[in-house]
Amino acid sequence: MVNYNAFTTASSESMQRYTFDKEKGCVQFVYGGCRPSSNNFETLEECIEACGKPIQPRSLKDKVVQPHRESDKVIQPRPHMNKKDIAKKLVAMHKKENDISLLQKNKDTPSMLKNAKEVHDLRKKEQELLLKAKQMYAKHNKEKTLKLLMEAEALHDLRDKKEGTSKAIEAEKLRAVHKKEKDVLQAREDKKIYSLRKKDGKALRQ
């Protein structure tokens, strides 16, 4: 017996499984991993192979009854359809659903491509502006650096010039001091000699 209601109670681990629906055929659902059901298949092929014959429930807990359903129904294949025909029909139904989904996706593709192109153009312009700003920043820094170097060189020359002038003035002052000291010493020496000569002259006259 195939139960049409797949159990999707959330659990610690969720996985993609397939279940059989009497209107849609084998459909995919998210299995939470709790309270397993016999209408629960790991692959689409397993679901297709199993839907054409009764499936014995694994335990009494596998049987799930919805409140609004009067009773569970059992899928019985038509007399003129065998298991292989049912499998082909279910595969065709599944393919049709995929085709409808693909058509809808293709319908949205132009809009998505247009949006993607706009995003690409904006990103390209942004990169160009950032590169230009970086180049201008580097150029500005280079010019500023050269300007500072020139100012530093000018200050260095001015300092050397001032130091040279100051040293020359100091040297001139020192020479003047030495000359004055020499003149004072010479005057003292001359005075001493004059005094001695004067004394000698007095002594001779006496």
C-alpha atoms as a PDB file:
ATOM      1  CA  MET A   1       0.000   0.000   0.000  1.00  0.00           C
ATOM      2  CA  VAL A   2       1.319   3.467  -0.915  1.00  0.00           C
ATOM      3  CA  ASN A   3       0.591   6.273   1.528  1.00  0.00           C
ATOM      4  CA  TYR A   4       0.068   9.549  -0.340  1.00  0.00           C
ATOM      5  CA  ASN A   5       1.157  11.810   2.474  1.00  0.00           C
ATOM      6  CA  ALA A   6       4.897  11.991   2.990  1.00  0.00           C
ATOM      7  CA  PHE A   7       6.015  12.777   6.485  1.00  0.00           C
ATOM      8  CA  THR A   8       8.033  16.078   6.572  1.00  0.00           C
ATOM      9  CA  THR A   9       8.377  16.609  10.302  1.00  0.00           C
ATOM     10  CA  ALA A  10      11.521  18.688  10.966  1.00  0.00           C
ATOM     11  CA  SER A  11      14.402  16.852  12.559  1.00  0.00           C
ATOM     12  CA  SER A  12      18.073  17.434  13.162  1.00  0.00           C
ATOM     13  CA  GLU A  13      18.908  16.296   9.623  1.00  0.00           C
ATOM     14  CA  SER A  14      16.894  17.130   6.461  1.00  0.00           C
ATOM     15  CA  MET A  15      17.286  15.507   3.059  1.00  0.00           C
ATOM     16  CA  GLN A  16      15.678  15.484  -0.406  1.00  0.00           C
ATOM     17  CA  ARG A  17      13.339  12.549  -0.952  1.00  0.00           C
ATOM     18  CA  TYR A  18      10.495  11.523  -3.324  1.00  0.00           C
ATOM     19  CA  THR A  19       6.897  10.613  -2.535  1.00  0.00           C
ATOM     20  CA  PHE A  20       3.980   9.460  -4.671  1.00  0.00           C
ATOM     21  CA  ASP A  21       1.000  11.756  -5.128  1.00  0.00           C
ATOM     22  CA  LYS A  22      -2.109  10.406  -6.907  1.00  0.00           C
ATOM     23  CA  GLU A  23      -2.516  13.653  -8.884  1.00  0.00           C
ATOM     24  CA  LYS A  24       1.071  14.726  -9.547  1.00  0.00           C
ATOM     25  CA  GLY A  25       2.860  11.397  -9.508  1.00  0.00           C
ATOM     26  CA  CYS A  26       6.319  11.176  -7.926  1.00  0.00           C
ATOM     27  CA  VAL A  27       7.221  14.556  -6.424  1.00  0.00           C
ATOM     28  CA  GLN A  28      10.200  15.756  -4.450  1.00  0.00           C
ATOM     29  CA  PHE A  29       9.972  16.876  -0.827  1.00  0.00           C
ATOM     30  CA  VAL A  30      12.230  17.631   2.146  1.00  0.00           C
ATOM     31  CA  TYR A  31      12.322  14.731   4.593  1.00  0.00           C
ATOM     32  CA  GLY A  32      13.091  15.762   8.153  1.00  0.00           C
ATOM     33  CA  GLY A  33      14.225  12.294   9.220  1.00  0.00           C
ATOM     34  CA  CYS A  34      11.563  11.714  11.899  1.00  0.00           C
ATOM     35  CA  ARG A  35       8.626   9.232  11.842  1.00  0.00           C
ATOM     36  CA  PRO A  36       9.475   7.380   8.608  1.00  0.00           C
ATOM     37  CA  SER A  37       6.802   6.416   6.064  1.00  0.00           C
ATOM     38  CA  SER A  38       6.659   3.735   3.398  1.00  0.00           C
ATOM     39  CA  ASN A  39       5.836   6.474   0.865  1.00  0.00           C
ATOM     40  CA  ASN A  40       9.380   7.802   1.108  1.00  0.00           C
ATOM     41  CA  PHE A  41      11.977   7.096  -1.612  1.00  0.00           C
ATOM     42  CA  GLU A  42      15.584   8.191  -1.981  1.00  0.00           C
ATOM     43  CA  THR A  43      15.460   8.421  -5.813  1.00  0.00           C
ATOM     44  CA  LEU A  44      12.834   9.127  -8.460  1.00  0.00           C
ATOM     45  CA  GLU A  45      13.435   5.719 -10.041  1.00  0.00           C
ATOM     46  CA  GLU A  46      12.643   3.937  -6.772  1.00  0.00           C
ATOM     47  CA  CYS A  47       9.404   5.886  -6.457  1.00  0.00           C
ATOM     48  CA  ILE A  48       8.383   5.032 -10.031  1.00  0.00           C
ATOM     49  CA  GLU A  49       9.192   1.371  -9.617  1.00  0.00           C
ATOM     50  CA  ALA A  50       7.317   1.080  -6.340  1.00  0.00           C
ATOM     51  CA  CYS A  51       4.174   3.056  -7.152  1.00  0.00           C
ATOM     52  CA  GLY A  52       2.694   0.427  -9.462  1.00  0.00           C
ATOM     53  CA  LYS A  53       2.321  -2.232  -6.782  1.00  0.00           C
ATOM     54  CA  PRO A  54       1.122  -2.246  -3.178  1.00  0.00           C
ATOM     55  CA  ILE A  55       3.772  -1.457  -0.585  1.00  0.00           C
ATOM     56  CA  GLN A  56       3.534  -3.049   2.825  1.00  0.00           C
ATOM     57  CA  PRO A  57       4.017  -0.509   5.615  1.00  0.00           C
ATOM     58  CA  ARG A  58       7.141  -0.999   7.720  1.00  0.00           C
ATOM     59  CA  SER A  59       5.220  -0.641  10.951  1.00  0.00           C
ATOM     60  CA  LEU A  60       1.905   0.550  12.291  1.00  0.00           C
ATOM     61  CA  LYS A  61       3.461   3.999  12.764  1.00  0.00           C
ATOM     62  CA  ASP A  62       4.072   4.282   9.011  1.00  0.00           C
ATOM     63  CA  LYS A  63       0.363   4.601   8.299  1.00  0.00           C
ATOM     64  CA  VAL A  64      -0.582   8.306   8.226  1.00  0.00           C
ATOM     65  CA  VAL A  65      -4.213   9.440   8.038  1.00  0.00           C
ATOM     66  CA  GLN A  66      -5.141  13.069   7.551  1.00  0.00           C
ATOM     67  CA  PRO A  67      -8.158  14.277   9.586  1.00  0.00           C
ATOM     68  CA  HIS A  68     -10.066  15.523   6.518  1.00  0.00           C
ATOM     69  CA  ARG A  69      -9.720  12.198   4.678  1.00  0.00           C
ATOM     70  CA  GLU A  70     -12.376   9.584   5.280  1.00  0.00           C
ATOM     71  CA  SER A  71      -9.980   6.700   4.654  1.00  0.00           C
ATOM     72  CA  ASP A  72      -6.719   5.798   2.967  1.00  0.00           C
ATOM     73  CA  LYS A  73      -6.906   4.843  -0.676  1.00  0.00           C
ATOM     74  CA  VAL A  74      -4.775   2.292  -2.450  1.00  0.00           C
ATOM     75  CA  ILE A  75      -3.457   2.981  -5.925  1.00  0.00           C
ATOM     76  CA  GLN A  76      -4.426   0.166  -8.217  1.00  0.00           C
ATOM     77  CA  PRO A  77      -3.078   0.200 -11.767  1.00  0.00           C
ATOM     78  CA  ARG A  78      -5.597  -0.046 -14.590  1.00  0.00           C
ATOM     79  CA  PRO A  79      -6.037  -3.528 -16.041  1.00  0.00           C
ATOM     80  CA  HIS A  80      -4.741  -2.500 -19.454  1.00  0.00           C
ATOM     81  CA  MET A  81      -1.661  -0.729 -18.032  1.00  0.00           C
ATOM     82  CA  ASN A  82       1.295  -2.669 -16.744  1.00  0.00           C
ATOM     83  CA  LYS A  83       4.057  -1.553 -14.420  1.00  0.00           C
ATOM     84  CA  LYS A  84       6.279  -0.337 -17.259  1.00  0.00           C
ATOM     85  CA  ASP A  85       3.499   1.823 -18.763  1.00  0.00           C
ATOM     86  CA  ILE A  86       2.842   3.472 -15.413  1.00  0.00           C
ATOM     87  CA  ALA A  87       6.549   4.191 -14.978  1.00  0.00           C
ATOM     88  CA  LYS A  88       6.723   5.792 -18.446  1.00  0.00           C
ATOM     89  CA  LYS A  89       3.663   7.910 -17.711  1.00  0.00           C
ATOM     90  CA  LEU A  90       5.115   9.130 -14.428  1.00  0.00           C
ATOM     91  CA  VAL A  91       8.455   9.974 -16.074  1.00  0.00           C
ATOM     92  CA  ALA A  92       6.569  11.913 -18.762  1.00  0.00           C
ATOM     93  CA  MET A  93       4.619  13.826 -16.108  1.00  0.00           C
ATOM     94  CA  HIS A  94       7.833  14.647 -14.256  1.00  0.00           C
ATOM     95  CA  LYS A  95       9.473  15.804 -17.510  1.00  0.00           C
ATOM     96  CA  LYS A  96       6.476  18.021 -18.284  1.00  0.00           C
ATOM     97  CA  GLU A  97       6.782  19.729 -14.895  1.00  0.00           C
ATOM     98  CA  ASN A  98      10.509  20.292 -15.542  1.00  0.00           C
ATOM     99  CA  ASP A  99       9.720  21.726 -18.998  1.00  0.00           C
ATOM    100  CA  ILE A 100       7.195  24.164 -17.507  1.00  0.00           C
ATOM    101  CA  SER A 101       9.756  25.256 -14.912  1.00  0.00           C
ATOM    102  CA  LEU A 102      12.387  25.682 -17.646  1.00  0.00           C
ATOM    103  CA  LEU A 103      10.008  27.788 -19.780  1.00  0.00           C
ATOM    104  CA  GLN A 104       9.336  30.053 -16.814  1.00  0.00           C
ATOM    105  CA  LYS A 105      13.087  30.343 -16.181  1.00  0.00           C
ATOM    106  CA  ASN A 106      13.729  31.183 -19.859  1.00  0.00           C
ATOM    107  CA  LYS A 107      10.990  33.798 -19.670  1.00  0.00           C
ATOM    108  CA  ASP A 108      12.816  35.521 -16.811  1.00  0.00           C
ATOM    109  CA  THR A 109      16.258  35.160 -18.457  1.00  0.00           C
ATOM    110  CA  PRO A 110      16.229  38.440 -20.536  1.00  0.00           C
ATOM    111  CA  SER A 111      15.397  40.489 -17.458  1.00  0.00           C
ATOM    112  CA  MET A 112      18.079  38.705 -15.442  1.00  0.00           C
ATOM    113  CA  LEU A 113      20.662  39.209 -18.200  1.00  0.00           C
ATOM    114  CA  LYS A 114      19.782  42.896 -18.461  1.00  0.00           C
ATOM    115  CA  ASN A 115      20.165  43.353 -14.721  1.00  0.00           C
ATOM    116  CA  ALA A 116      23.448  41.415 -14.738  1.00  0.00           C
ATOM    117  CA  LYS A 117      24.792  43.631 -17.579  1.00  0.00           C
ATOM    118  CA  GLU A 118      23.839  46.788 -15.676  1.00  0.00           C
ATOM    119  CA  VAL A 119      25.596  45.508 -12.559  1.00  0.00           C
ATOM    120  CA  HIS A 120      28.677  44.626 -14.643  1.00  0.00           C
ATOM    121  CA  ASP A 121      28.767  48.097 -16.243  1.00  0.00           C
ATOM    122  CA  LEU A 122      28.442  49.796 -12.864  1.00  0.00           C
ATOM    123  CA  ARG A 123      31.231  47.665 -11.415  1.00  0.00           C
ATOM    124  CA  LYS A 124      33.457  48.484 -14.418  1.00  0.00           C
ATOM    125  CA  LYS A 125      32.848  52.233 -14.048  1.00  0.00           C
ATOM    126  CA  GLU A 126      33.535  51.983 -10.333  1.00  0.00           C
ATOM    127  CA  GLN A 127      36.858  50.243 -10.970  1.00  0.00           C
ATOM    128  CA  GLU A 128      37.840  52.870 -13.554  1.00  0.00           C
ATOM    129  CA  LEU A 129      37.073  55.696 -11.130  1.00  0.00           C
ATOM    130  CA  LEU A 130      38.998  54.011  -8.340  1.00  0.00           C
ATOM    131  CA  LEU A 131      42.011  53.502 -10.612  1.00  0.00           C
ATOM    132  CA  LYS A 132      41.879  57.128 -11.766  1.00  0.00           C
ATOM    133  CA  ALA A 133      41.622  58.332  -8.174  1.00  0.00           C
ATOM    134  CA  LYS A 134      44.586  56.159  -7.205  1.00  0.00           C
ATOM    135  CA  GLN A 135      46.683  57.526 -10.070  1.00  0.00           C
ATOM    136  CA  MET A 136      45.766  61.120  -9.204  1.00  0.00           C
ATOM    137  CA  TYR A 137      46.591  60.465  -5.565  1.00  0.00           C
ATOM    138  CA  ALA A 138      49.986  58.998  -6.492  1.00  0.00           C
ATOM    139  CA  LYS A 139      50.712  61.919  -8.845  1.00  0.00           C
ATOM    140  CA  HIS A 140      49.655  64.446  -6.238  1.00  0.00           C
ATOM    141  CA  ASN A 141      51.849  62.806  -3.633  1.00  0.00           C
ATOM    142  CA  LYS A 142      54.797  62.758  -6.037  1.00  0.00           C
ATOM    143  CA  GLU A 143      54.420  66.452  -6.825  1.00  0.00           C
ATOM    144  CA  LYS A 144      53.998  67.248  -3.151  1.00  0.00           C
ATOM    145  CA  THR A 145      57.093  65.223  -2.285  1.00  0.00           C
ATOM    146  CA  LEU A 146      59.187  67.040  -4.921  1.00  0.00           C
ATOM    147  CA  LYS A 147      57.933  70.364  -3.639  1.00  0.00           C
ATOM    148  CA  LEU A 148      58.891  69.503  -0.077  1.00  0.00           C
ATOM    149  CA  LEU A 149      62.324  68.318  -1.193  1.00  0.00           C
ATOM    150  CA  MET A 150      62.920  71.601  -3.039  1.00  0.00           C
ATOM    151  CA  GLU A 151      61.843  73.595   0.008  1.00  0.00           C
ATOM    152  CA  ALA A 152      64.133  71.524   2.221  1.00  0.00           C
ATOM    153  CA  GLU A 153      67.054  72.055  -0.159  1.00  0.00           C
ATOM    154  CA  ALA A 154      66.435  75.814  -0.222  1.00  0.00           C
ATOM    155  CA  LEU A 155      66.348  75.898   3.568  1.00  0.00           C
ATOM    156  CA  HIS A 156      69.578  73.915   3.677  1.00  0.00           C
ATOM    157  CA  ASP A 157      71.313  76.385   1.365  1.00  0.00           C
ATOM    158  CA  LEU A 158      69.990  79.327   3.373  1.00  0.00           C
ATOM    159  CA  ARG A 159      71.189  77.725   6.596  1.00  0.00           C
ATOM    160  CA  ASP A 160      74.651  77.111   5.150  1.00  0.00           C
ATOM    161  CA  LYS A 161      74.789  80.686   3.958  1.00  0.00           C
ATOM    162  CA  LYS A 162      73.748  82.059   7.306  1.00  0.00           C
ATOM    163  CA  GLU A 163      76.166  79.774   9.110  1.00  0.00           C
ATOM    164  CA  GLY A 164      78.957  80.898   6.771  1.00  0.00           C
ATOM    165  CA  THR A 165      78.165  84.562   7.395  1.00  0.00           C
ATOM    166  CA  SER A 166      77.963  84.002  11.115  1.00  0.00           C
ATOM    167  CA  LYS A 167      81.282  82.185  11.146  1.00  0.00           C
ATOM    168  CA  ALA A 168      82.910  84.958   9.127  1.00  0.00           C
ATOM    169  CA  ILE A 169      81.598  87.556  11.540  1.00  0.00           C
ATOM    170  CA  GLU A 170      82.832  85.523  14.504  1.00  0.00           C
ATOM    171  CA  ALA A 171      86.233  85.182  12.898  1.00  0.00           C
ATOM    172  CA  GLU A 172      86.391  88.918  12.254  1.00  0.00           C
ATOM    173  CA  LYS A 173      85.469  89.653  15.841  1.00  0.00           C
ATOM    174  CA  LEU A 174      88.132  87.295  17.101  1.00  0.00           C
ATOM    175  CA  ARG A 175      90.744  88.936  14.881  1.00  0.00           C
ATOM    176  CA  ALA A 176      89.750  92.356  16.179  1.00  0.00           C
ATOM    177  CA  VAL A 177      89.989  91.163  19.769  1.00  0.00           C
ATOM    178  CA  HIS A 178      93.391  89.619  19.164  1.00  0.00           C
ATOM    179  CA  LYS A 179      94.598  92.789  17.503  1.00  0.00           C
ATOM    180  CA  LYS A 180      93.369  94.935  20.360  1.00  0.00           C
ATOM    181  CA  GLU A 181      95.015  92.715  22.902  1.00  0.00           C
ATOM    182  CA  LYS A 182      98.247  92.862  20.905  1.00  0.00           C
ATOM    183  CA  ASP A 183      98.051  96.656  20.712  1.00  0.00           C
ATOM    184  CA  VAL A 184      97.483  96.865  24.480  1.00  0.00           C
ATOM    185  CA  LEU A 185     100.443  94.625  25.178  1.00  0.00           C
ATOM    186  CA  GLN A 186     102.607  96.626  22.814  1.00  0.00           C
ATOM    187  CA  ALA A 187     101.586  99.884  24.465  1.00  0.00           C
ATOM    188  CA  ARG A 188     102.436  98.483  27.877  1.00  0.00           C
ATOM    189  CA  GLU A 189     105.817  97.332  26.610  1.00  0.00           C
ATOM    190  CA  ASP A 190     106.534 100.721  25.071  1.00  0.00           C
ATOM    191  CA  LYS A 191     105.548 102.407  28.296  1.00  0.00           C
ATOM    192  CA  LYS A 192     107.911 100.241  30.305  1.00  0.00           C
ATOM    193  CA  ILE A 193     110.797 100.988  27.935  1.00  0.00           C
ATOM    194  CA  TYR A 194     110.044 104.696  28.065  1.00  0.00           C
ATOM    195  CA  SER A 195     110.059 104.628  31.866  1.00  0.00           C
ATOM    196  CA  LEU A 196     113.393 102.780  31.980  1.00  0.00           C
ATOM    197  CA  ARG A 197     115.023 105.208  29.532  1.00  0.00           C
ATOM    198  CA  LYS A 198     113.720 108.124  31.530  1.00  0.00           C
ATOM    199  CA  LYS A 199     115.235 106.731  34.736  1.00  0.00           C
ATOM    200  CA  ASP A 200     118.535 106.082  32.998  1.00  0.00           C
ATOM    201  CA  GLY A 201     118.668 109.691  31.723  1.00  0.00           C
ATOM    202  CA  LYS A 202     118.184 111.114  35.209  1.00  0.00           C
ATOM    203  CA  ALA A 203     120.895 108.915  36.620  1.00  0.00           C
ATOM    204  CA  LEU A 204     123.439 110.064  34.015  1.00  0.00           C
ATOM    205  CA  ARG A 205     122.739 113.712  34.655  1.00  0.00           C
ATOM    206  CA  GLN A 206     123.426 113.316  38.339  1.00  0.00           C
END
